[in-house]
Amino acid sequence: MKIKGFASLTLAVSLLIAPGLSEASGTTTLDSQGNQVTIDGIPKAKTESKEKFDKPAKVERSTVVDVLDEKGKKLSEKKINKNEVKAEKKADKAEKKAAKEDKKNGKATEGELCILFCGGGTDPDPDDGGGSTDTAKVVTVLIAADEEYRAAHSDWQTLTQNIVENADNAFTRDHNIDFEIKALGQWSSQGANASEILQDMDRDWNGNGYDFVVGFTKDPNFNSGGIAYVYPSSPNGSAVSVNLDQGATNTWHAAQHEFSHNYGLGHDAQGSGIKCIMNYDYSYSVDYWDQDHDNEIEAHKSWYGN
């Protein structure tokens, strides 16, 4: 972590900020590519989660990933192999599929939703991808991990890969969007808070041709669970977000929440009872969206990918 001066943000928008959420959340500004964006995020999780995953995440397709230094220079390549994880029981998979259809039709009970989505706070079923990988909308991702994160995790490349692949399970299942990792970068995070660290990520890594640039940090100045740019329309350059190291499960929930912001999604009101990853009350316990947010992702699906 290095601290340096930052230009003051413009046009502040007054919002009620949840505890553990960056004070700059709700601020409107311009990103490094000239897009007007709103900065928004997620508070830190109230409970701890496991530091590592119990099993590898599902990978929809094999790819070769560039490993980059802090200046973006290619150091090496890494092969990520397609990983088809078989369902434990066909009957269980069928039950989940039926519950998912009920949810989409507005018929699911809370118990049925938990069978499919809650999972007791554990990792999602990696076989419950839903969408066809042959026809999926493929979006490209650059992952960047800062110096504190890399120091804490010698396996940072594999760990962040699994976080992104778990975060994309719901996008694949419900919207047939596949997040494909194309680069792993070493990053030196700079900033006095989460908003400034997000803007630092933007300046350092945006404009290199990736659909998404996602950062992972353990910087002590990062005062949110995650933070992202919310775009009003298809952005020039990459969509940018940063997530705090909060253990494997909490971090992939935060990453899914922030990717959703990149698609233009806002939040559901706390206390509303709406079970959605965009509601702070459920952000770390469910992996699905309410119908309005599902519709919004579908409407903005063309913003990224091929």
C-alpha atoms as a PDB file:
ATOM      1  CA  MET A   1       0.000   0.000   0.000  1.00  0.00           C
ATOM      2  CA  LYS A   2       1.195   3.452  -0.932  1.00  0.00           C
ATOM      3  CA  ILE A   3      -0.656   6.669  -0.172  1.00  0.00           C
ATOM      4  CA  LYS A   4      -0.637   9.507  -2.647  1.00  0.00           C
ATOM      5  CA  GLY A   5      -2.764  12.570  -3.329  1.00  0.00           C
ATOM      6  CA  PHE A   6      -6.050  12.150  -5.126  1.00  0.00           C
ATOM      7  CA  ALA A   7      -8.180  14.725  -6.887  1.00  0.00           C
ATOM      8  CA  SER A   8     -11.319  15.410  -4.926  1.00  0.00           C
ATOM      9  CA  LEU A   9     -14.453  13.683  -6.194  1.00  0.00           C
ATOM     10  CA  THR A  10     -17.136  15.860  -7.787  1.00  0.00           C
ATOM     11  CA  LEU A  11     -20.902  16.054  -7.539  1.00  0.00           C
ATOM     12  CA  ALA A  12     -21.521  14.173  -4.285  1.00  0.00           C
ATOM     13  CA  VAL A  13     -24.860  12.444  -3.998  1.00  0.00           C
ATOM     14  CA  SER A  14     -26.228  12.192  -0.474  1.00  0.00           C
ATOM     15  CA  LEU A  15     -27.024   8.616   0.603  1.00  0.00           C
ATOM     16  CA  LEU A  16     -27.484   6.787   3.866  1.00  0.00           C
ATOM     17  CA  ILE A  17     -24.297   4.765   4.231  1.00  0.00           C
ATOM     18  CA  ALA A  18     -24.431   1.382   5.938  1.00  0.00           C
ATOM     19  CA  PRO A  19     -21.800   0.590   8.593  1.00  0.00           C
ATOM     20  CA  GLY A  20     -18.594  -0.713   7.050  1.00  0.00           C
ATOM     21  CA  LEU A  21     -19.321   0.893   3.674  1.00  0.00           C
ATOM     22  CA  SER A  22     -17.067   3.500   2.115  1.00  0.00           C
ATOM     23  CA  GLU A  23     -18.155   7.065   2.871  1.00  0.00           C
ATOM     24  CA  ALA A  24     -17.798   7.841  -0.859  1.00  0.00           C
ATOM     25  CA  SER A  25     -20.484   5.305  -1.801  1.00  0.00           C
ATOM     26  CA  GLY A  26     -23.138   7.103  -3.841  1.00  0.00           C
ATOM     27  CA  THR A  27     -20.689   9.626  -5.282  1.00  0.00           C
ATOM     28  CA  THR A  28     -20.990  10.435  -8.977  1.00  0.00           C
ATOM     29  CA  THR A  29     -17.792  11.126 -10.925  1.00  0.00           C
ATOM     30  CA  LEU A  30     -15.967  10.345 -14.184  1.00  0.00           C
ATOM     31  CA  ASP A  31     -13.834   7.248 -14.560  1.00  0.00           C
ATOM     32  CA  SER A  32     -10.488   7.113 -16.390  1.00  0.00           C
ATOM     33  CA  GLN A  33     -12.248   6.456 -19.709  1.00  0.00           C
ATOM     34  CA  GLY A  34     -14.620   9.413 -19.458  1.00  0.00           C
ATOM     35  CA  ASN A  35     -17.709   7.472 -18.343  1.00  0.00           C
ATOM     36  CA  GLN A  36     -20.017   9.109 -15.823  1.00  0.00           C
ATOM     37  CA  VAL A  37     -20.286   6.580 -13.014  1.00  0.00           C
ATOM     38  CA  THR A  38     -21.705   6.217  -9.530  1.00  0.00           C
ATOM     39  CA  ILE A  39     -19.529   4.585  -6.888  1.00  0.00           C
ATOM     40  CA  ASP A  40     -21.401   1.976  -4.870  1.00  0.00           C
ATOM     41  CA  GLY A  41     -20.614  -1.170  -2.949  1.00  0.00           C
ATOM     42  CA  ILE A  42     -21.361  -3.523  -0.109  1.00  0.00           C
ATOM     43  CA  PRO A  43     -20.592  -3.381   3.628  1.00  0.00           C
ATOM     44  CA  LYS A  44     -18.177  -5.831   5.180  1.00  0.00           C
ATOM     45  CA  ALA A  45     -19.645  -9.203   6.135  1.00  0.00           C
ATOM     46  CA  LYS A  46     -20.819  -9.563   9.720  1.00  0.00           C
ATOM     47  CA  THR A  47     -19.552 -13.137  10.005  1.00  0.00           C
ATOM     48  CA  GLU A  48     -16.330 -14.808   8.916  1.00  0.00           C
ATOM     49  CA  SER A  49     -16.115 -17.409   6.169  1.00  0.00           C
ATOM     50  CA  LYS A  50     -13.540 -20.055   5.341  1.00  0.00           C
ATOM     51  CA  GLU A  51     -10.292 -18.651   3.976  1.00  0.00           C
ATOM     52  CA  LYS A  52     -10.099 -21.249   1.185  1.00  0.00           C
ATOM     53  CA  PHE A  53     -12.508 -23.250  -0.957  1.00  0.00           C
ATOM     54  CA  ASP A  54     -13.186 -26.909  -0.201  1.00  0.00           C
ATOM     55  CA  LYS A  55     -13.257 -27.773  -3.900  1.00  0.00           C
ATOM     56  CA  PRO A  56     -12.345 -26.126  -7.218  1.00  0.00           C
ATOM     57  CA  ALA A  57     -14.938 -23.956  -8.891  1.00  0.00           C
ATOM     58  CA  LYS A  58     -16.662 -24.988 -12.084  1.00  0.00           C
ATOM     59  CA  VAL A  59     -14.841 -23.642 -15.167  1.00  0.00           C
ATOM     60  CA  GLU A  60     -17.031 -23.552 -18.266  1.00  0.00           C
ATOM     61  CA  ARG A  61     -14.230 -23.503 -20.854  1.00  0.00           C
ATOM     62  CA  SER A  62     -10.446 -23.873 -21.011  1.00  0.00           C
ATOM     63  CA  THR A  63      -8.387 -20.746 -21.530  1.00  0.00           C
ATOM     64  CA  VAL A  64      -4.812 -19.477 -21.468  1.00  0.00           C
ATOM     65  CA  VAL A  65      -4.263 -16.620 -19.017  1.00  0.00           C
ATOM     66  CA  ASP A  66      -1.542 -13.958 -19.150  1.00  0.00           C
ATOM     67  CA  VAL A  67       0.280 -13.299 -15.862  1.00  0.00           C
ATOM     68  CA  LEU A  68       1.248  -9.616 -15.690  1.00  0.00           C
ATOM     69  CA  ASP A  69       3.514  -7.496 -13.499  1.00  0.00           C
ATOM     70  CA  GLU A  70       2.451  -4.195 -11.908  1.00  0.00           C
ATOM     71  CA  LYS A  71       3.173  -2.315 -15.145  1.00  0.00           C
ATOM     72  CA  GLY A  72       1.121  -4.722 -17.241  1.00  0.00           C
ATOM     73  CA  LYS A  73       4.138  -6.484 -18.723  1.00  0.00           C
ATOM     74  CA  LYS A  74       3.571 -10.159 -19.465  1.00  0.00           C
ATOM     75  CA  LEU A  75       5.598 -12.434 -17.197  1.00  0.00           C
ATOM     76  CA  SER A  76       4.222 -15.844 -18.117  1.00  0.00           C
ATOM     77  CA  GLU A  77       1.132 -17.786 -19.099  1.00  0.00           C
ATOM     78  CA  LYS A  78      -1.143 -20.035 -17.069  1.00  0.00           C
ATOM     79  CA  LYS A  79      -3.554 -22.634 -18.423  1.00  0.00           C
ATOM     80  CA  ILE A  80      -6.976 -22.842 -16.809  1.00  0.00           C
ATOM     81  CA  ASN A  81      -8.644 -26.096 -17.749  1.00  0.00           C
ATOM     82  CA  LYS A  82     -12.343 -26.676 -18.172  1.00  0.00           C
ATOM     83  CA  ASN A  83     -13.641 -28.284 -15.007  1.00  0.00           C
ATOM     84  CA  GLU A  84     -16.931 -30.129 -15.303  1.00  0.00           C
ATOM     85  CA  VAL A  85     -18.006 -31.141 -11.824  1.00  0.00           C
ATOM     86  CA  LYS A  86     -20.609 -33.897 -11.853  1.00  0.00           C
ATOM     87  CA  ALA A  87     -23.744 -33.584  -9.773  1.00  0.00           C
ATOM     88  CA  GLU A  88     -23.782 -35.700  -6.654  1.00  0.00           C
ATOM     89  CA  LYS A  89     -27.296 -36.980  -7.347  1.00  0.00           C
ATOM     90  CA  LYS A  90     -29.447 -36.610 -10.450  1.00  0.00           C
ATOM     91  CA  ALA A  91     -32.566 -36.407  -8.296  1.00  0.00           C
ATOM     92  CA  ASP A  92     -31.075 -33.539  -6.296  1.00  0.00           C
ATOM     93  CA  LYS A  93     -30.217 -31.677  -9.502  1.00  0.00           C
ATOM     94  CA  ALA A  94     -33.760 -32.162 -10.805  1.00  0.00           C
ATOM     95  CA  GLU A  95     -35.192 -30.895  -7.513  1.00  0.00           C
ATOM     96  CA  LYS A  96     -33.052 -27.764  -7.711  1.00  0.00           C
ATOM     97  CA  LYS A  97     -34.047 -27.158 -11.309  1.00  0.00           C
ATOM     98  CA  ALA A  98     -37.722 -27.422 -10.389  1.00  0.00           C
ATOM     99  CA  ALA A  99     -37.258 -25.045  -7.470  1.00  0.00           C
ATOM    100  CA  LYS A 100     -35.487 -22.572  -9.748  1.00  0.00           C
ATOM    101  CA  GLU A 101     -38.395 -22.636 -12.198  1.00  0.00           C
ATOM    102  CA  ASP A 102     -40.829 -22.040  -9.336  1.00  0.00           C
ATOM    103  CA  LYS A 103     -38.735 -19.078  -8.214  1.00  0.00           C
ATOM    104  CA  LYS A 104     -38.829 -17.545 -11.689  1.00  0.00           C
ATOM    105  CA  ASN A 105     -42.602 -18.052 -11.787  1.00  0.00           C
ATOM    106  CA  GLY A 106     -42.988 -16.438  -8.375  1.00  0.00           C
ATOM    107  CA  LYS A 107     -44.140 -19.673  -6.735  1.00  0.00           C
ATOM    108  CA  ALA A 108     -41.190 -20.584  -4.560  1.00  0.00           C
ATOM    109  CA  THR A 109     -41.499 -20.693  -0.823  1.00  0.00           C
ATOM    110  CA  GLU A 110     -38.688 -19.561   1.435  1.00  0.00           C
ATOM    111  CA  GLY A 111     -37.805 -23.192   2.138  1.00  0.00           C
ATOM    112  CA  GLU A 112     -37.628 -24.034  -1.558  1.00  0.00           C
ATOM    113  CA  LEU A 113     -35.419 -21.035  -2.211  1.00  0.00           C
ATOM    114  CA  CYS A 114     -33.038 -22.144   0.494  1.00  0.00           C
ATOM    115  CA  ILE A 115     -32.817 -25.626  -1.038  1.00  0.00           C
ATOM    116  CA  LEU A 116     -31.627 -24.032  -4.251  1.00  0.00           C
ATOM    117  CA  PHE A 117     -29.765 -20.938  -3.207  1.00  0.00           C
ATOM    118  CA  CYS A 118     -28.994 -20.522   0.490  1.00  0.00           C
ATOM    119  CA  GLY A 119     -26.883 -23.655   0.947  1.00  0.00           C
ATOM    120  CA  GLY A 120     -26.279 -22.845   4.583  1.00  0.00           C
ATOM    121  CA  GLY A 121     -23.775 -20.150   3.584  1.00  0.00           C
ATOM    122  CA  THR A 122     -21.538 -22.598   1.735  1.00  0.00           C
ATOM    123  CA  ASP A 123     -20.229 -22.536  -1.815  1.00  0.00           C
ATOM    124  CA  PRO A 124     -22.802 -22.828  -4.631  1.00  0.00           C
ATOM    125  CA  ASP A 125     -23.430 -26.135  -6.354  1.00  0.00           C
ATOM    126  CA  PRO A 126     -20.777 -26.025  -9.114  1.00  0.00           C
ATOM    127  CA  ASP A 127     -22.853 -28.237 -11.383  1.00  0.00           C
ATOM    128  CA  ASP A 128     -25.880 -25.967 -11.248  1.00  0.00           C
ATOM    129  CA  GLY A 129     -24.702 -23.807 -14.129  1.00  0.00           C
ATOM    130  CA  GLY A 130     -28.018 -23.768 -15.951  1.00  0.00           C
ATOM    131  CA  GLY A 131     -26.960 -21.991 -19.151  1.00  0.00           C
ATOM    132  CA  SER A 132     -25.455 -23.653 -22.195  1.00  0.00           C
ATOM    133  CA  THR A 133     -21.747 -22.896 -22.517  1.00  0.00           C
ATOM    134  CA  ASP A 134     -22.025 -23.361 -26.296  1.00  0.00           C
ATOM    135  CA  THR A 135     -24.334 -20.358 -26.607  1.00  0.00           C
ATOM    136  CA  ALA A 136     -23.222 -18.376 -23.542  1.00  0.00           C
ATOM    137  CA  LYS A 137     -22.382 -14.688 -23.682  1.00  0.00           C
ATOM    138  CA  VAL A 138     -18.639 -14.745 -22.898  1.00  0.00           C
ATOM    139  CA  VAL A 139     -17.219 -11.734 -21.063  1.00  0.00           C
ATOM    140  CA  THR A 140     -13.498 -11.323 -20.411  1.00  0.00           C
ATOM    141  CA  VAL A 141     -11.975 -10.603 -17.016  1.00  0.00           C
ATOM    142  CA  LEU A 142      -8.647  -9.247 -15.790  1.00  0.00           C
ATOM    143  CA  ILE A 143      -7.963 -10.043 -12.135  1.00  0.00           C
ATOM    144  CA  ALA A 144      -5.521  -7.850 -10.192  1.00  0.00           C
ATOM    145  CA  ALA A 145      -4.360  -8.629  -6.638  1.00  0.00           C
ATOM    146  CA  ASP A 146      -2.577  -6.031  -4.547  1.00  0.00           C
ATOM    147  CA  GLU A 147       0.627  -6.501  -2.572  1.00  0.00           C
ATOM    148  CA  GLU A 148      -1.132  -7.163   0.746  1.00  0.00           C
ATOM    149  CA  TYR A 149      -3.391  -9.768  -0.827  1.00  0.00           C
ATOM    150  CA  ARG A 150      -0.493 -11.532  -2.542  1.00  0.00           C
ATOM    151  CA  ALA A 151       1.527 -11.504   0.690  1.00  0.00           C
ATOM    152  CA  ALA A 152      -1.367 -13.150   2.542  1.00  0.00           C
ATOM    153  CA  HIS A 153      -2.034 -15.769  -0.157  1.00  0.00           C
ATOM    154  CA  SER A 154       0.856 -17.458  -1.931  1.00  0.00           C
ATOM    155  CA  ASP A 155      -1.804 -19.186  -4.082  1.00  0.00           C
ATOM    156  CA  TRP A 156      -3.461 -15.862  -4.989  1.00  0.00           C
ATOM    157  CA  GLN A 157      -3.788 -16.763  -8.655  1.00  0.00           C
ATOM    158  CA  THR A 158      -5.788 -19.934  -7.959  1.00  0.00           C
ATOM    159  CA  LEU A 159      -7.756 -18.362  -5.110  1.00  0.00           C
ATOM    160  CA  THR A 160      -8.918 -15.327  -7.096  1.00  0.00           C
ATOM    161  CA  GLN A 161      -9.690 -17.526 -10.091  1.00  0.00           C
ATOM    162  CA  ASN A 162     -11.989 -19.647  -7.912  1.00  0.00           C
ATOM    163  CA  ILE A 163     -13.630 -16.532  -6.457  1.00  0.00           C
ATOM    164  CA  VAL A 164     -14.506 -15.186  -9.911  1.00  0.00           C
ATOM    165  CA  GLU A 165     -15.644 -18.589 -11.171  1.00  0.00           C
ATOM    166  CA  ASN A 166     -17.935 -18.993  -8.147  1.00  0.00           C
ATOM    167  CA  ALA A 167     -19.249 -15.455  -8.597  1.00  0.00           C
ATOM    168  CA  ASP A 168     -20.153 -16.215 -12.214  1.00  0.00           C
ATOM    169  CA  ASN A 169     -22.201 -19.349 -11.412  1.00  0.00           C
ATOM    170  CA  ALA A 170     -25.438 -17.398 -10.995  1.00  0.00           C
ATOM    171  CA  PHE A 171     -24.742 -15.299 -14.091  1.00  0.00           C
ATOM    172  CA  THR A 172     -24.315 -18.523 -16.083  1.00  0.00           C
ATOM    173  CA  ARG A 173     -27.291 -20.249 -14.480  1.00  0.00           C
ATOM    174  CA  ASP A 174     -29.792 -17.400 -14.716  1.00  0.00           C
ATOM    175  CA  HIS A 175     -28.505 -15.284 -17.638  1.00  0.00           C
ATOM    176  CA  ASN A 176     -26.172 -17.529 -19.653  1.00  0.00           C
ATOM    177  CA  ILE A 177     -23.237 -15.147 -19.102  1.00  0.00           C
ATOM    178  CA  ASP A 178     -19.816 -16.781 -18.690  1.00  0.00           C
ATOM    179  CA  PHE A 179     -17.018 -14.800 -17.042  1.00  0.00           C
ATOM    180  CA  GLU A 180     -13.771 -15.950 -18.686  1.00  0.00           C
ATOM    181  CA  ILE A 181     -10.521 -15.001 -16.965  1.00  0.00           C
ATOM    182  CA  LYS A 182      -7.930 -13.742 -19.448  1.00  0.00           C
ATOM    183  CA  ALA A 183      -5.247 -12.130 -17.249  1.00  0.00           C
ATOM    184  CA  LEU A 184      -3.871 -12.143 -13.693  1.00  0.00           C
ATOM    185  CA  GLY A 185      -2.086  -8.956 -12.672  1.00  0.00           C
ATOM    186  CA  GLN A 186       0.097  -7.847  -9.794  1.00  0.00           C
ATOM    187  CA  TRP A 187      -1.174  -4.546  -8.454  1.00  0.00           C
ATOM    188  CA  SER A 188       0.147  -1.949  -6.004  1.00  0.00           C
ATOM    189  CA  SER A 189      -2.976  -0.482  -4.426  1.00  0.00           C
ATOM    190  CA  GLN A 190      -2.981   3.171  -3.463  1.00  0.00           C
ATOM    191  CA  GLY A 191      -5.570   5.185  -1.574  1.00  0.00           C
ATOM    192  CA  ALA A 192      -6.834   6.292   1.810  1.00  0.00           C
ATOM    193  CA  ASN A 193     -10.213   4.494   1.514  1.00  0.00           C
ATOM    194  CA  ALA A 194     -12.118   2.043  -0.658  1.00  0.00           C
ATOM    195  CA  SER A 195     -13.268   4.679  -3.147  1.00  0.00           C
ATOM    196  CA  GLU A 196      -9.743   5.941  -3.762  1.00  0.00           C
ATOM    197  CA  ILE A 197      -8.441   2.383  -4.097  1.00  0.00           C
ATOM    198  CA  LEU A 198     -11.174   1.676  -6.683  1.00  0.00           C
ATOM    199  CA  GLN A 199     -10.115   4.758  -8.646  1.00  0.00           C
ATOM    200  CA  ASP A 200      -6.482   3.658  -8.425  1.00  0.00           C
ATOM    201  CA  MET A 201      -7.445   0.284  -9.913  1.00  0.00           C
ATOM    202  CA  ASP A 202      -9.300   2.122 -12.663  1.00  0.00           C
ATOM    203  CA  ARG A 203      -6.294   4.274 -13.576  1.00  0.00           C
ATOM    204  CA  ASP A 204      -3.830   1.380 -13.442  1.00  0.00           C
ATOM    205  CA  TRP A 205      -5.755  -1.310 -15.345  1.00  0.00           C
ATOM    206  CA  ASN A 206      -8.642   0.153 -17.358  1.00  0.00           C
ATOM    207  CA  GLY A 207      -8.435   0.573 -21.128  1.00  0.00           C
ATOM    208  CA  ASN A 208      -6.690  -2.716 -21.955  1.00  0.00           C
ATOM    209  CA  GLY A 209      -9.543  -4.398 -23.808  1.00  0.00           C
ATOM    210  CA  TYR A 210     -11.089  -6.523 -21.033  1.00  0.00           C
ATOM    211  CA  ASP A 211     -14.812  -6.391 -20.297  1.00  0.00           C
ATOM    212  CA  PHE A 212     -14.235  -6.454 -16.541  1.00  0.00           C
ATOM    213  CA  VAL A 213     -11.315  -5.468 -14.333  1.00  0.00           C
ATOM    214  CA  VAL A 214     -11.721  -6.832 -10.800  1.00  0.00           C
ATOM    215  CA  GLY A 215      -9.327  -6.178  -7.938  1.00  0.00           C
ATOM    216  CA  PHE A 216      -8.704  -8.096  -4.739  1.00  0.00           C
ATOM    217  CA  THR A 217      -7.223  -6.308  -1.762  1.00  0.00           C
ATOM    218  CA  LYS A 218      -6.201  -6.745   1.838  1.00  0.00           C
ATOM    219  CA  ASP A 219      -5.257  -3.073   2.165  1.00  0.00           C
ATOM    220  CA  PRO A 220      -6.091  -1.882   5.716  1.00  0.00           C
ATOM    221  CA  ASN A 221      -7.465   1.370   4.269  1.00  0.00           C
ATOM    222  CA  PHE A 222     -10.149  -0.468   2.277  1.00  0.00           C
ATOM    223  CA  ASN A 223     -13.254   0.259   4.344  1.00  0.00           C
ATOM    224  CA  SER A 224     -15.897  -1.693   2.392  1.00  0.00           C
ATOM    225  CA  GLY A 225     -16.632  -5.337   1.649  1.00  0.00           C
ATOM    226  CA  GLY A 226     -16.485  -4.437  -2.033  1.00  0.00           C
ATOM    227  CA  ILE A 227     -16.941  -1.402  -4.261  1.00  0.00           C
ATOM    228  CA  ALA A 228     -17.670  -0.821  -7.932  1.00  0.00           C
ATOM    229  CA  TYR A 229     -18.634   1.627 -10.632  1.00  0.00           C
ATOM    230  CA  VAL A 230     -22.330   1.604 -11.507  1.00  0.00           C
ATOM    231  CA  TYR A 231     -22.798   2.500 -15.174  1.00  0.00           C
ATOM    232  CA  PRO A 232     -25.930   4.117 -16.662  1.00  0.00           C
ATOM    233  CA  SER A 233     -25.147   2.652 -20.093  1.00  0.00           C
ATOM    234  CA  SER A 234     -22.576   0.508 -21.901  1.00  0.00           C
ATOM    235  CA  PRO A 235     -19.202   1.899 -20.784  1.00  0.00           C
ATOM    236  CA  ASN A 236     -16.129   2.795 -22.763  1.00  0.00           C
ATOM    237  CA  GLY A 237     -13.291   0.580 -21.564  1.00  0.00           C
ATOM    238  CA  SER A 238     -13.640  -1.947 -18.755  1.00  0.00           C
ATOM    239  CA  ALA A 239     -16.127  -2.248 -15.906  1.00  0.00           C
ATOM    240  CA  VAL A 240     -14.202  -1.863 -12.641  1.00  0.00           C
ATOM    241  CA  SER A 241     -14.654  -3.256  -9.128  1.00  0.00           C
ATOM    242  CA  VAL A 242     -12.537  -4.130  -6.068  1.00  0.00           C
ATOM    243  CA  ASN A 243     -13.260  -6.668  -3.314  1.00  0.00           C
ATOM    244  CA  LEU A 244     -11.855  -7.003   0.194  1.00  0.00           C
ATOM    245  CA  ASP A 245     -10.333 -10.301   1.313  1.00  0.00           C
ATOM    246  CA  GLN A 246     -13.046 -11.676   3.630  1.00  0.00           C
ATOM    247  CA  GLY A 247     -12.518 -15.402   3.128  1.00  0.00           C
ATOM    248  CA  ALA A 248     -13.515 -17.460   0.119  1.00  0.00           C
ATOM    249  CA  THR A 249     -17.316 -17.534   0.465  1.00  0.00           C
ATOM    250  CA  ASN A 250     -17.817 -13.942   1.594  1.00  0.00           C
ATOM    251  CA  THR A 251     -15.519 -12.653  -1.140  1.00  0.00           C
ATOM    252  CA  TRP A 252     -17.269 -14.405  -4.020  1.00  0.00           C
ATOM    253  CA  HIS A 253     -20.612 -13.083  -2.763  1.00  0.00           C
ATOM    254  CA  ALA A 254     -19.153  -9.571  -2.708  1.00  0.00           C
ATOM    255  CA  ALA A 255     -17.698 -10.084  -6.202  1.00  0.00           C
ATOM    256  CA  GLN A 256     -21.088 -11.167  -7.593  1.00  0.00           C
ATOM    257  CA  HIS A 257     -22.676  -8.114  -5.955  1.00  0.00           C
ATOM    258  CA  GLU A 258     -20.080  -5.788  -7.513  1.00  0.00           C
ATOM    259  CA  PHE A 259     -20.291  -7.379 -10.979  1.00  0.00           C
ATOM    260  CA  SER A 260     -24.051  -6.741 -10.698  1.00  0.00           C
ATOM    261  CA  HIS A 261     -23.366  -3.050 -10.041  1.00  0.00           C
ATOM    262  CA  ASN A 262     -21.280  -3.033 -13.228  1.00  0.00           C
ATOM    263  CA  TYR A 263     -24.435  -4.105 -15.072  1.00  0.00           C
ATOM    264  CA  GLY A 264     -26.188  -1.008 -13.724  1.00  0.00           C
ATOM    265  CA  LEU A 265     -27.987  -2.604 -10.778  1.00  0.00           C
ATOM    266  CA  GLY A 266     -28.758  -0.630  -7.625  1.00  0.00           C
ATOM    267  CA  HIS A 267     -29.752  -1.890  -4.190  1.00  0.00           C
ATOM    268  CA  ASP A 268     -32.958  -3.225  -2.705  1.00  0.00           C
ATOM    269  CA  ALA A 269     -34.050  -1.476   0.487  1.00  0.00           C
ATOM    270  CA  GLN A 270     -32.820  -2.995   3.718  1.00  0.00           C
ATOM    271  CA  GLY A 271     -35.693  -4.268   5.825  1.00  0.00           C
ATOM    272  CA  SER A 272     -37.867  -4.796   2.731  1.00  0.00           C
ATOM    273  CA  GLY A 273     -37.692  -8.572   3.000  1.00  0.00           C
ATOM    274  CA  ILE A 274     -36.686  -8.820  -0.668  1.00  0.00           C
ATOM    275  CA  LYS A 275     -34.315 -11.774  -0.891  1.00  0.00           C
ATOM    276  CA  CYS A 276     -31.715 -10.658  -3.423  1.00  0.00           C
ATOM    277  CA  ILE A 277     -27.941 -10.374  -3.483  1.00  0.00           C
ATOM    278  CA  MET A 278     -28.454  -6.622  -4.034  1.00  0.00           C
ATOM    279  CA  ASN A 279     -30.133  -6.291  -0.628  1.00  0.00           C
ATOM    280  CA  TYR A 280     -27.545  -5.770   2.124  1.00  0.00           C
ATOM    281  CA  ASP A 281     -29.656  -8.019   4.398  1.00  0.00           C
ATOM    282  CA  TYR A 282     -28.983 -11.015   2.132  1.00  0.00           C
ATOM    283  CA  SER A 283     -25.855 -10.096   0.145  1.00  0.00           C
ATOM    284  CA  TYR A 284     -23.674 -12.703   1.826  1.00  0.00           C
ATOM    285  CA  SER A 285     -26.265 -15.485   2.078  1.00  0.00           C
ATOM    286  CA  VAL A 286     -27.980 -15.783  -1.341  1.00  0.00           C
ATOM    287  CA  ASP A 287     -26.693 -15.897  -4.908  1.00  0.00           C
ATOM    288  CA  TYR A 288     -29.771 -14.801  -6.873  1.00  0.00           C
ATOM    289  CA  TRP A 289     -31.536 -11.596  -7.911  1.00  0.00           C
ATOM    290  CA  ASP A 290     -35.154 -10.502  -7.592  1.00  0.00           C
ATOM    291  CA  GLN A 291     -37.194 -10.347 -10.788  1.00  0.00           C
ATOM    292  CA  ASP A 292     -36.649  -6.634 -11.381  1.00  0.00           C
ATOM    293  CA  HIS A 293     -32.890  -7.069 -11.195  1.00  0.00           C
ATOM    294  CA  ASP A 294     -33.024 -10.186 -13.380  1.00  0.00           C
ATOM    295  CA  ASN A 295     -34.849  -8.097 -15.977  1.00  0.00           C
ATOM    296  CA  GLU A 296     -32.247  -5.346 -15.684  1.00  0.00           C
ATOM    297  CA  ILE A 297     -29.354  -7.748 -16.277  1.00  0.00           C
ATOM    298  CA  GLU A 298     -31.123  -9.122 -19.343  1.00  0.00           C
ATOM    299  CA  ALA A 299     -31.680  -5.584 -20.645  1.00  0.00           C
ATOM    300  CA  HIS A 300     -27.991  -4.724 -20.149  1.00  0.00           C
ATOM    301  CA  LYS A 301     -26.551  -8.063 -21.224  1.00  0.00           C
ATOM    302  CA  SER A 302     -25.341  -6.570 -24.506  1.00  0.00           C
ATOM    303  CA  TRP A 303     -23.041  -4.126 -22.695  1.00  0.00           C
ATOM    304  CA  TYR A 304     -20.231  -6.684 -22.447  1.00  0.00           C
ATOM    305  CA  GLY A 305     -18.869  -9.675 -24.309  1.00  0.00           C
ATOM    306  CA  ASN A 306     -19.278 -11.274 -27.694  1.00  0.00           C
END
